PDB file of N, CA and C in Angstrom:
ATOM      1  N   MET A   1       0.842  -1.179   0.000  1.00  0.00           N
ATOM      2  CA  MET A   1       0.000   0.000   0.000  1.00  0.00           C
ATOM      3  C   MET A   1       0.886   1.241   0.000  1.00  0.00           C
ATOM      4  N   GLN A   2       0.557   2.186  -0.840  1.00  0.00           N
ATOM      5  CA  GLN A   2       1.352   3.402  -0.928  1.00  0.00           C
ATOM      6  C   GLN A   2       0.889   4.448   0.084  1.00  0.00           C
ATOM      7  N   ASN A   3       1.829   5.278   0.499  1.00  0.00           N
ATOM      8  CA  ASN A   3       1.494   6.381   1.393  1.00  0.00           C
ATOM      9  C   ASN A   3       1.073   7.569   0.537  1.00  0.00           C
ATOM     10  N   ILE A   4      -0.123   8.075   0.806  1.00  0.00           N
ATOM     11  CA  ILE A   4      -0.634   9.223   0.075  1.00  0.00           C
ATOM     12  C   ILE A   4      -0.717  10.386   1.055  1.00  0.00           C
ATOM     13  N   THR A   5      -0.135  11.505   0.688  1.00  0.00           N
ATOM     14  CA  THR A   5      -0.170  12.665   1.570  1.00  0.00           C
ATOM     15  C   THR A   5      -1.358  13.565   1.206  1.00  0.00           C
ATOM     16  N   ILE A   6      -1.740  14.390   2.149  1.00  0.00           N
ATOM     17  CA  ILE A   6      -2.795  15.368   1.885  1.00  0.00           C
ATOM     18  C   ILE A   6      -2.320  16.341   0.811  1.00  0.00           C
ATOM     19  N   LYS A   7      -1.061  16.723   0.897  1.00  0.00           N
ATOM     20  CA  LYS A   7      -0.494  17.643  -0.097  1.00  0.00           C
ATOM     21  C   LYS A   7      -0.635  17.062  -1.502  1.00  0.00           C
ATOM     22  N   TYR A   8      -0.296  15.772  -1.669  1.00  0.00           N
ATOM     23  CA  TYR A   8      -0.431  15.137  -2.977  1.00  0.00           C
ATOM     24  C   TYR A   8      -1.893  15.159  -3.432  1.00  0.00           C
ATOM     25  N   LEU A   9      -2.811  14.799  -2.537  1.00  0.00           N
ATOM     26  CA  LEU A   9      -4.228  14.789  -2.904  1.00  0.00           C
ATOM     27  C   LEU A   9      -4.708  16.175  -3.323  1.00  0.00           C
ATOM     28  N   GLN A  10      -4.293  17.201  -2.581  1.00  0.00           N
ATOM     29  CA  GLN A  10      -4.696  18.557  -2.950  1.00  0.00           C
ATOM     30  C   GLN A  10      -4.173  18.933  -4.322  1.00  0.00           C
ATOM     31  N   GLU A  11      -2.919  18.613  -4.602  1.00  0.00           N
ATOM     32  CA  GLU A  11      -2.339  18.928  -5.913  1.00  0.00           C
ATOM     33  C   GLU A  11      -3.009  18.111  -7.022  1.00  0.00           C
ATOM     34  N   TYR A  12      -3.272  16.850  -6.752  1.00  0.00           N
ATOM     35  CA  TYR A  12      -3.938  15.985  -7.727  1.00  0.00           C
ATOM     36  C   TYR A  12      -5.325  16.534  -8.062  1.00  0.00           C
ATOM     37  N   ILE A  13      -6.081  16.897  -7.035  1.00  0.00           N
ATOM     38  CA  ILE A  13      -7.418  17.451  -7.245  1.00  0.00           C
ATOM     39  C   ILE A  13      -7.334  18.777  -7.987  1.00  0.00           C
ATOM     40  N   LYS A  14      -6.361  19.609  -7.625  1.00  0.00           N
ATOM     41  CA  LYS A  14      -6.179  20.907  -8.296  1.00  0.00           C
ATOM     42  C   LYS A  14      -5.900  20.704  -9.785  1.00  0.00           C
ATOM     43  N   SER A  15      -5.155  19.643 -10.121  1.00  0.00           N
ATOM     44  CA  SER A  15      -4.799  19.388 -11.525  1.00  0.00           C
ATOM     45  C   SER A  15      -6.009  19.022 -12.375  1.00  0.00           C
ATOM     46  N   LYS A  16      -7.109  18.649 -11.737  1.00  0.00           N
ATOM     47  CA  LYS A  16      -8.328  18.305 -12.477  1.00  0.00           C
ATOM     48  C   LYS A  16      -9.088  19.540 -12.949  1.00  0.00           C
ATOM     49  N   ASN A  17      -8.658  20.728 -12.513  1.00  0.00           N
ATOM     50  CA  ASN A  17      -9.290  21.990 -12.916  1.00  0.00           C
ATOM     51  C   ASN A  17     -10.797  21.998 -12.645  1.00  0.00           C
ATOM     52  N   ILE A  18     -11.182  21.567 -11.463  1.00  0.00           N
ATOM     53  CA  ILE A  18     -12.583  21.571 -11.058  1.00  0.00           C
ATOM     54  C   ILE A  18     -13.007  23.018 -10.798  1.00  0.00           C
ATOM     55  N   ASN A  19     -14.170  23.372 -11.299  1.00  0.00           N
ATOM     56  CA  ASN A  19     -14.682  24.729 -11.097  1.00  0.00           C
ATOM     57  C   ASN A  19     -15.026  24.919  -9.621  1.00  0.00           C
ATOM     58  N   THR A  20     -14.337  25.833  -8.962  1.00  0.00           N
ATOM     59  CA  THR A  20     -14.540  26.050  -7.528  1.00  0.00           C
ATOM     60  C   THR A  20     -15.078  27.445  -7.219  1.00  0.00           C
ATOM     61  N   GLU A  21     -15.591  28.124  -8.237  1.00  0.00           N
ATOM     62  CA  GLU A  21     -16.077  29.483  -8.026  1.00  0.00           C
ATOM     63  C   GLU A  21     -17.345  29.525  -7.178  1.00  0.00           C
ATOM     64  N   ASN A  22     -18.238  28.568  -7.365  1.00  0.00           N
ATOM     65  CA  ASN A  22     -19.513  28.568  -6.653  1.00  0.00           C
ATOM     66  C   ASN A  22     -19.361  27.822  -5.322  1.00  0.00           C
ATOM     67  N   LYS A  23     -18.983  28.560  -4.292  1.00  0.00           N
ATOM     68  CA  LYS A  23     -18.730  27.964  -2.975  1.00  0.00           C
ATOM     69  C   LYS A  23     -19.991  27.323  -2.395  1.00  0.00           C
ATOM     70  N   GLU A  24     -21.143  27.945  -2.629  1.00  0.00           N
ATOM     71  CA  GLU A  24     -22.402  27.397  -2.118  1.00  0.00           C
ATOM     72  C   GLU A  24     -22.677  26.015  -2.728  1.00  0.00           C
ATOM     73  N   ALA A  25     -22.436  25.877  -4.016  1.00  0.00           N
ATOM     74  CA  ALA A  25     -22.638  24.588  -4.682  1.00  0.00           C
ATOM     75  C   ALA A  25     -21.679  23.531  -4.123  1.00  0.00           C
ATOM     76  N   LEU A  26     -20.453  23.943  -3.845  1.00  0.00           N
ATOM     77  CA  LEU A  26     -19.486  23.006  -3.257  1.00  0.00           C
ATOM     78  C   LEU A  26     -19.956  22.539  -1.887  1.00  0.00           C
ATOM     79  N   PHE A  27     -20.459  23.479  -1.088  1.00  0.00           N
ATOM     80  CA  PHE A  27     -20.948  23.108   0.241  1.00  0.00           C
ATOM     81  C   PHE A  27     -22.146  22.172   0.135  1.00  0.00           C
ATOM     82  N   LEU A  28     -23.048  22.454  -0.780  1.00  0.00           N
ATOM     83  CA  LEU A  28     -24.216  21.581  -0.957  1.00  0.00           C
ATOM     84  C   LEU A  28     -23.780  20.180  -1.389  1.00  0.00           C
ATOM     85  N   LYS A  29     -22.784  20.107  -2.270  1.00  0.00           N
ATOM     86  CA  LYS A  29     -22.276  18.794  -2.709  1.00  0.00           C
ATOM     87  C   LYS A  29     -21.630  18.054  -1.535  1.00  0.00           C
ATOM     88  N   LEU A  30     -20.890  18.779  -0.688  1.00  0.00           N
ATOM     89  CA  LEU A  30     -20.305  18.156   0.496  1.00  0.00           C
ATOM     90  C   LEU A  30     -21.409  17.624   1.409  1.00  0.00           C
ATOM     91  N   SER A  31     -22.463  18.408   1.598  1.00  0.00           N
ATOM     92  CA  SER A  31     -23.585  17.969   2.436  1.00  0.00           C
ATOM     93  C   SER A  31     -24.215  16.702   1.864  1.00  0.00           C
ATOM     94  N   GLU A  32     -24.354  16.657   0.555  1.00  0.00           N
ATOM     95  CA  GLU A  32     -24.897  15.474  -0.105  1.00  0.00           C
ATOM     96  C   GLU A  32     -24.016  14.252   0.161  1.00  0.00           C
ATOM     97  N   GLU A  33     -22.701  14.441   0.032  1.00  0.00           N
ATOM     98  CA  GLU A  33     -21.775  13.319   0.250  1.00  0.00           C
ATOM     99  C   GLU A  33     -21.789  12.851   1.710  1.00  0.00           C
ATOM    100  N   VAL A  34     -21.896  13.790   2.643  1.00  0.00           N
ATOM    101  CA  VAL A  34     -21.994  13.404   4.057  1.00  0.00           C
ATOM    102  C   VAL A  34     -23.272  12.597   4.273  1.00  0.00           C
ATOM    103  N   GLY A  35     -24.358  12.996   3.624  1.00  0.00           N
ATOM    104  CA  GLY A  35     -25.608  12.235   3.696  1.00  0.00           C
ATOM    105  C   GLY A  35     -25.456  10.829   3.145  1.00  0.00           C
ATOM    106  N   GLU A  36     -24.724  10.704   2.036  1.00  0.00           N
ATOM    107  CA  GLU A  36     -24.481   9.378   1.463  1.00  0.00           C
ATOM    108  C   GLU A  36     -23.625   8.527   2.398  1.00  0.00           C
ATOM    109  N   LEU A  37     -22.676   9.159   3.083  1.00  0.00           N
ATOM    110  CA  LEU A  37     -21.872   8.435   4.071  1.00  0.00           C
ATOM    111  C   LEU A  37     -22.762   7.951   5.211  1.00  0.00           C
ATOM    112  N   ALA A  38     -23.637   8.816   5.694  1.00  0.00           N
ATOM    113  CA  ALA A  38     -24.557   8.427   6.776  1.00  0.00           C
ATOM    114  C   ALA A  38     -25.429   7.254   6.337  1.00  0.00           C
ATOM    115  N   ALA A  39     -25.935   7.314   5.125  1.00  0.00           N
ATOM    116  CA  ALA A  39     -26.785   6.228   4.614  1.00  0.00           C
ATOM    117  C   ALA A  39     -25.997   4.926   4.525  1.00  0.00           C
ATOM    118  N   ALA A  40     -24.759   4.995   4.052  1.00  0.00           N
ATOM    119  CA  ALA A  40     -23.919   3.790   3.951  1.00  0.00           C
ATOM    120  C   ALA A  40     -23.658   3.212   5.340  1.00  0.00           C
ATOM    121  N   MET A  41     -23.436   4.085   6.313  1.00  0.00           N
ATOM    122  CA  MET A  41     -23.186   3.609   7.677  1.00  0.00           C
ATOM    123  C   MET A  41     -24.430   2.939   8.250  1.00  0.00           C
ATOM    124  N   LEU A  42     -25.605   3.482   7.975  1.00  0.00           N
ATOM    125  CA  LEU A  42     -26.849   2.903   8.481  1.00  0.00           C
ATOM    126  C   LEU A  42     -27.173   1.571   7.812  1.00  0.00           C
ATOM    127  N   ARG A  43     -26.811   1.452   6.534  1.00  0.00           N
ATOM    128  CA  ARG A  43     -27.016   0.186   5.825  1.00  0.00           C
ATOM    129  C   ARG A  43     -26.068  -0.883   6.324  1.00  0.00           C
ATOM    130  N   ASN A  44     -24.939  -0.450   6.893  1.00  0.00           N
ATOM    131  CA  ASN A  44     -23.893  -1.355   7.356  1.00  0.00           C
ATOM    132  C   ASN A  44     -23.506  -2.354   6.260  1.00  0.00           C
ATOM    133  N   PRO A  45     -23.062  -1.826   5.109  1.00  0.00           N
ATOM    134  CA  PRO A  45     -22.740  -2.716   3.990  1.00  0.00           C
ATOM    135  C   PRO A  45     -21.453  -3.492   4.232  1.00  0.00           C
ATOM    136  N   ASP A  46     -21.242  -4.421   3.322  1.00  0.00           N
ATOM    137  CA  ASP A  46     -19.976  -5.143   3.354  1.00  0.00           C
ATOM    138  C   ASP A  46     -18.842  -4.155   3.111  1.00  0.00           C
ATOM    139  N   ARG A  47     -17.663  -4.523   3.556  1.00  0.00           N
ATOM    140  CA  ARG A  47     -16.487  -3.677   3.348  1.00  0.00           C
ATOM    141  C   ARG A  47     -16.112  -3.679   1.871  1.00  0.00           C
ATOM    142  N   ALA A  48     -15.449  -2.618   1.455  1.00  0.00           N
ATOM    143  CA  ALA A  48     -14.997  -2.503   0.069  1.00  0.00           C
ATOM    144  C   ALA A  48     -13.927  -3.554  -0.211  1.00  0.00           C
ATOM    145  N   THR A  49     -13.858  -3.933  -1.460  1.00  0.00           N
ATOM    146  CA  THR A  49     -12.797  -4.825  -1.925  1.00  0.00           C
ATOM    147  C   THR A  49     -12.108  -4.136  -3.097  1.00  0.00           C
ATOM    148  N   GLU A  50     -11.006  -4.683  -3.549  1.00  0.00           N
ATOM    149  CA  GLU A  50     -10.292  -4.116  -4.692  1.00  0.00           C
ATOM    150  C   GLU A  50     -11.176  -4.079  -5.939  1.00  0.00           C
ATOM    151  N   THR A  51     -12.147  -4.962  -6.019  1.00  0.00           N
ATOM    152  CA  THR A  51     -13.002  -5.026  -7.208  1.00  0.00           C
ATOM    153  C   THR A  51     -14.388  -4.414  -6.984  1.00  0.00           C
ATOM    154  N   ASN A  52     -14.734  -4.049  -5.744  1.00  0.00           N
ATOM    155  CA  ASN A  52     -16.053  -3.469  -5.483  1.00  0.00           C
ATOM    156  C   ASN A  52     -15.992  -2.481  -4.322  1.00  0.00           C
ATOM    157  N   ILE A  53     -16.088  -1.206  -4.665  1.00  0.00           N
ATOM    158  CA  ILE A  53     -16.119  -0.163  -3.644  1.00  0.00           C
ATOM    159  C   ILE A  53     -17.479   0.546  -3.644  1.00  0.00           C
ATOM    160  N   LYS A  54     -18.256   0.362  -4.726  1.00  0.00           N
ATOM    161  CA  LYS A  54     -19.514   1.084  -4.915  1.00  0.00           C
ATOM    162  C   LYS A  54     -20.473   0.878  -3.743  1.00  0.00           C
ATOM    163  N   GLY A  55     -20.959   2.003  -3.203  1.00  0.00           N
ATOM    164  CA  GLY A  55     -21.965   1.958  -2.147  1.00  0.00           C
ATOM    165  C   GLY A  55     -21.435   1.638  -0.762  1.00  0.00           C
ATOM    166  N   THR A  56     -20.120   1.585  -0.611  1.00  0.00           N
ATOM    167  CA  THR A  56     -19.537   1.225   0.682  1.00  0.00           C
ATOM    168  C   THR A  56     -19.182   2.476   1.490  1.00  0.00           C
ATOM    169  N   ILE A  57     -18.968   2.270   2.764  1.00  0.00           N
ATOM    170  CA  ILE A  57     -18.516   3.363   3.625  1.00  0.00           C
ATOM    171  C   ILE A  57     -17.184   3.908   3.106  1.00  0.00           C
ATOM    172  N   GLU A  58     -16.306   3.024   2.666  1.00  0.00           N
ATOM    173  CA  GLU A  58     -15.004   3.456   2.139  1.00  0.00           C
ATOM    174  C   GLU A  58     -15.184   4.429   0.976  1.00  0.00           C
ATOM    175  N   GLU A  59     -16.101   4.113   0.053  1.00  0.00           N
ATOM    176  CA  GLU A  59     -16.343   4.998  -1.089  1.00  0.00           C
ATOM    177  C   GLU A  59     -16.819   6.372  -0.615  1.00  0.00           C
ATOM    178  N   GLU A  60     -17.750   6.362   0.310  1.00  0.00           N
ATOM    179  CA  GLU A  60     -18.334   7.632   0.753  1.00  0.00           C
ATOM    180  C   GLU A  60     -17.343   8.467   1.558  1.00  0.00           C
ATOM    181  N   ILE A  61     -16.497   7.820   2.349  1.00  0.00           N
ATOM    182  CA  ILE A  61     -15.452   8.569   3.071  1.00  0.00           C
ATOM    183  C   ILE A  61     -14.507   9.223   2.068  1.00  0.00           C
ATOM    184  N   CYS A  62     -14.124   8.499   1.027  1.00  0.00           N
ATOM    185  CA  CYS A  62     -13.253   9.071  -0.004  1.00  0.00           C
ATOM    186  C   CYS A  62     -13.915  10.268  -0.680  1.00  0.00           C
ATOM    187  N   ASP A  63     -15.221  10.164  -0.944  1.00  0.00           N
ATOM    188  CA  ASP A  63     -15.941  11.289  -1.555  1.00  0.00           C
ATOM    189  C   ASP A  63     -15.951  12.508  -0.636  1.00  0.00           C
ATOM    190  N   VAL A  64     -16.183  12.294   0.662  1.00  0.00           N
ATOM    191  CA  VAL A  64     -16.200  13.403   1.621  1.00  0.00           C
ATOM    192  C   VAL A  64     -14.822  14.059   1.695  1.00  0.00           C
ATOM    193  N   ILE A  65     -13.784  13.248   1.770  1.00  0.00           N
ATOM    194  CA  ILE A  65     -12.420  13.796   1.822  1.00  0.00           C
ATOM    195  C   ILE A  65     -12.125  14.596   0.562  1.00  0.00           C
ATOM    196  N   SER A  66     -12.472  14.059  -0.592  1.00  0.00           N
ATOM    197  CA  SER A  66     -12.224  14.769  -1.856  1.00  0.00           C
ATOM    198  C   SER A  66     -12.932  16.116  -1.873  1.00  0.00           C
ATOM    199  N   LEU A  67     -14.202  16.138  -1.461  1.00  0.00           N
ATOM    200  CA  LEU A  67     -14.944  17.400  -1.453  1.00  0.00           C
ATOM    201  C   LEU A  67     -14.349  18.388  -0.466  1.00  0.00           C
ATOM    202  N   CYS A  68     -13.917  17.915   0.688  1.00  0.00           N
ATOM    203  CA  CYS A  68     -13.262  18.814   1.657  1.00  0.00           C
ATOM    204  C   CYS A  68     -12.005  19.426   1.054  1.00  0.00           C
ATOM    205  N   LEU A  69     -11.250  18.632   0.325  1.00  0.00           N
ATOM    206  CA  LEU A  69     -10.019  19.149  -0.284  1.00  0.00           C
ATOM    207  C   LEU A  69     -10.318  20.079  -1.457  1.00  0.00           C
ATOM    208  N   ILE A  70     -11.384  19.816  -2.192  1.00  0.00           N
ATOM    209  CA  ILE A  70     -11.801  20.739  -3.254  1.00  0.00           C
ATOM    210  C   ILE A  70     -12.146  22.094  -2.640  1.00  0.00           C
ATOM    211  N   ILE A  71     -12.882  22.069  -1.534  1.00  0.00           N
ATOM    212  CA  ILE A  71     -13.233  23.315  -0.847  1.00  0.00           C
ATOM    213  C   ILE A  71     -11.982  24.003  -0.321  1.00  0.00           C
ATOM    214  N   ALA A  72     -11.078  23.247   0.278  1.00  0.00           N
ATOM    215  CA  ALA A  72      -9.820  23.835   0.764  1.00  0.00           C
ATOM    216  C   ALA A  72      -9.072  24.500  -0.387  1.00  0.00           C
ATOM    217  N   ASN A  73      -8.994  23.822  -1.511  1.00  0.00           N
ATOM    218  CA  ASN A  73      -8.324  24.403  -2.684  1.00  0.00           C
ATOM    219  C   ASN A  73      -9.014  25.682  -3.140  1.00  0.00           C
ATOM    220  N   SER A  74     -10.336  25.704  -3.056  1.00  0.00           N
ATOM    221  CA  SER A  74     -11.071  26.884  -3.523  1.00  0.00           C
ATOM    222  C   SER A  74     -10.756  28.112  -2.667  1.00  0.00           C
ATOM    223  N   TYR A  75     -10.322  27.897  -1.436  1.00  0.00           N
ATOM    224  CA  TYR A  75      -9.931  28.988  -0.542  1.00  0.00           C
ATOM    225  C   TYR A  75      -8.408  29.109  -0.424  1.00  0.00           C
ATOM    226  N   ASP A  76      -7.687  28.326  -1.221  1.00  0.00           N
ATOM    227  CA  ASP A  76      -6.218  28.332  -1.194  1.00  0.00           C
ATOM    228  C   ASP A  76      -5.673  27.970   0.187  1.00  0.00           C
ATOM    229  N   ILE A  77      -6.253  26.960   0.799  1.00  0.00           N
ATOM    230  CA  ILE A  77      -5.849  26.525   2.136  1.00  0.00           C
ATOM    231  C   ILE A  77      -4.928  25.317   2.011  1.00  0.00           C
ATOM    232  N   ASP A  78      -3.765  25.391   2.631  1.00  0.00           N
ATOM    233  CA  ASP A  78      -2.821  24.280   2.719  1.00  0.00           C
ATOM    234  C   ASP A  78      -3.213  23.460   3.952  1.00  0.00           C
ATOM    235  N   VAL A  79      -3.969  22.401   3.736  1.00  0.00           N
ATOM    236  CA  VAL A  79      -4.522  21.618   4.841  1.00  0.00           C
ATOM    237  C   VAL A  79      -3.417  21.038   5.722  1.00  0.00           C
ATOM    238  N   GLU A  80      -2.331  20.565   5.116  1.00  0.00           N
ATOM    239  CA  GLU A  80      -1.235  20.001   5.923  1.00  0.00           C
ATOM    240  C   GLU A  80      -0.652  21.033   6.884  1.00  0.00           C
ATOM    241  N   LYS A  81      -0.659  22.286   6.503  1.00  0.00           N
ATOM    242  CA  LYS A  81      -0.150  23.349   7.371  1.00  0.00           C
ATOM    243  C   LYS A  81      -1.028  23.524   8.609  1.00  0.00           C
ATOM    244  N   TRP A  82      -2.337  23.384   8.450  1.00  0.00           N
ATOM    245  CA  TRP A  82      -3.273  23.719   9.524  1.00  0.00           C
ATOM    246  C   TRP A  82      -3.668  22.551  10.409  1.00  0.00           C
ATOM    247  N   ILE A  83      -3.459  21.324   9.970  1.00  0.00           N
ATOM    248  CA  ILE A  83      -3.802  20.170  10.814  1.00  0.00           C
ATOM    249  C   ILE A  83      -3.036  20.194  12.140  1.00  0.00           C
ATOM    250  N   PRO A  84      -1.719  20.415  12.156  1.00  0.00           N
ATOM    251  CA  PRO A  84      -1.016  20.449  13.448  1.00  0.00           C
ATOM    252  C   PRO A  84      -1.530  21.548  14.380  1.00  0.00           C
ATOM    253  N   VAL A  85      -1.864  22.701  13.807  1.00  0.00           N
ATOM    254  CA  VAL A  85      -2.390  23.805  14.618  1.00  0.00           C
ATOM    255  C   VAL A  85      -3.711  23.391  15.261  1.00  0.00           C
ATOM    256  N   LYS A  86      -4.594  22.800  14.470  1.00  0.00           N
ATOM    257  CA  LYS A  86      -5.902  22.375  14.976  1.00  0.00           C
ATOM    258  C   LYS A  86      -5.759  21.245  15.991  1.00  0.00           C
ATOM    259  N   GLU A  87      -4.856  20.309  15.743  1.00  0.00           N
ATOM    260  CA  GLU A  87      -4.647  19.215  16.695  1.00  0.00           C
ATOM    261  C   GLU A  87      -4.137  19.726  18.036  1.00  0.00           C
ATOM    262  N   LYS A  88      -3.292  20.742  18.005  1.00  0.00           N
ATOM    263  CA  LYS A  88      -2.810  21.349  19.249  1.00  0.00           C
ATOM    264  C   LYS A  88      -3.993  21.913  20.035  1.00  0.00           C
ATOM    265  N   LEU A  89      -4.904  22.599  19.334  1.00  0.00           N
ATOM    266  CA  LEU A  89      -6.103  23.134  20.000  1.00  0.00           C
ATOM    267  C   LEU A  89      -6.984  22.021  20.565  1.00  0.00           C
ATOM    268  N   HIS A  90      -7.162  20.953  19.793  1.00  0.00           N
ATOM    269  CA  HIS A  90      -7.942  19.801  20.281  1.00  0.00           C
ATOM    270  C   HIS A  90      -7.336  19.234  21.562  1.00  0.00           C
ATOM    271  N   ASN A  91      -6.028  19.033  21.523  1.00  0.00           N
ATOM    272  CA  ASN A  91      -5.351  18.441  22.678  1.00  0.00           C
ATOM    273  C   ASN A  91      -5.460  19.326  23.916  1.00  0.00           C
ATOM    274  N   GLU A  92      -5.366  20.640  23.718  1.00  0.00           N
ATOM    275  CA  GLU A  92      -5.520  21.558  24.852  1.00  0.00           C
ATOM    276  C   GLU A  92      -6.953  21.542  25.370  1.00  0.00           C
ATOM    277  N   LYS A  93      -7.910  21.567  24.470  1.00  0.00           N
ATOM    278  CA  LYS A  93      -9.324  21.588  24.853  1.00  0.00           C
ATOM    279  C   LYS A  93      -9.712  20.346  25.642  1.00  0.00           C
ATOM    280  N   TRP A  94      -9.255  19.197  25.189  1.00  0.00           N
ATOM    281  CA  TRP A  94      -9.656  17.920  25.797  1.00  0.00           C
ATOM    282  C   TRP A  94      -8.610  17.380  26.762  1.00  0.00           C
ATOM    283  N   ASN A  95      -7.604  18.196  27.066  1.00  0.00           N
ATOM    284  CA  ASN A  95      -6.552  17.795  27.999  1.00  0.00           C
ATOM    285  C   ASN A  95      -5.945  16.439  27.605  1.00  0.00           C
ATOM    286  N   ASN A  96      -5.704  16.291  26.322  1.00  0.00           N
ATOM    287  CA  ASN A  96      -5.143  15.059  25.779  1.00  0.00           C
ATOM    288  C   ASN A  96      -3.625  15.205  25.720  1.00  0.00           C
ATOM    289  N   LYS A  97      -2.922  14.230  26.231  1.00  0.00           N
ATOM    290  CA  LYS A  97      -1.472  14.299  26.296  1.00  0.00           C
ATOM    291  C   LYS A  97      -0.781  13.674  25.086  1.00  0.00           C
ATOM    292  N   VAL A  98      -1.578  13.180  24.126  1.00  0.00           N
ATOM    293  CA  VAL A  98      -0.996  12.573  22.931  1.00  0.00           C
ATOM    294  C   VAL A  98      -0.393  13.689  22.069  1.00  0.00           C
ATOM    295  N   VAL A  99       0.855  13.542  21.696  1.00  0.00           N
ATOM    296  CA  VAL A  99       1.557  14.559  20.910  1.00  0.00           C
ATOM    297  C   VAL A  99       1.366  14.256  19.415  1.00  0.00           C
ATOM    298  N   PHE A 100       0.974  15.277  18.677  1.00  0.00           N
ATOM    299  CA  PHE A 100       0.834  15.133  17.220  1.00  0.00           C
ATOM    300  C   PHE A 100       2.210  15.365  16.616  1.00  0.00           C
ATOM    301  N   ASP A 101       2.810  14.301  16.068  1.00  0.00           N
ATOM    302  CA  ASP A 101       4.161  14.391  15.512  1.00  0.00           C
ATOM    303  C   ASP A 101       4.237  13.501  14.270  1.00  0.00           C
ATOM    304  N   PRO A 102       3.846  14.045  13.111  1.00  0.00           N
ATOM    305  CA  PRO A 102       3.748  13.224  11.897  1.00  0.00           C
ATOM    306  C   PRO A 102       5.044  13.012  11.128  1.00  0.00           C
ATOM    307  N   ARG A 103       6.148  13.043  11.771  1.00  0.00           N
ATOM    308  CA  ARG A 103       7.466  12.874  11.108  1.00  0.00           C
ATOM    309  C   ARG A 103       7.349  12.198   9.807  1.00  0.00           C
TER     310      ARG A 103
END
């Protein structure tokens, strides 16, 4: 299995030249994908396989992640830059001693 970085995914998605001007439409599409993820979770389908991912939780999680990165790209947000900052806030808020260190 290959390691895929968020940076690579953002660049890959950016290379597709997806129209990101209509932020409201992007948000509505993200909401739709989250709904599809919820439906897949409630159906409790079989796990995805290399030959069948359609309708699985794995498929819907990938769709949600892709839409989040499309939205991030539309605002020129470097997600890898902000994850450590947000994790630090989470750890402080919840008094979690786990250190975020993605070496």
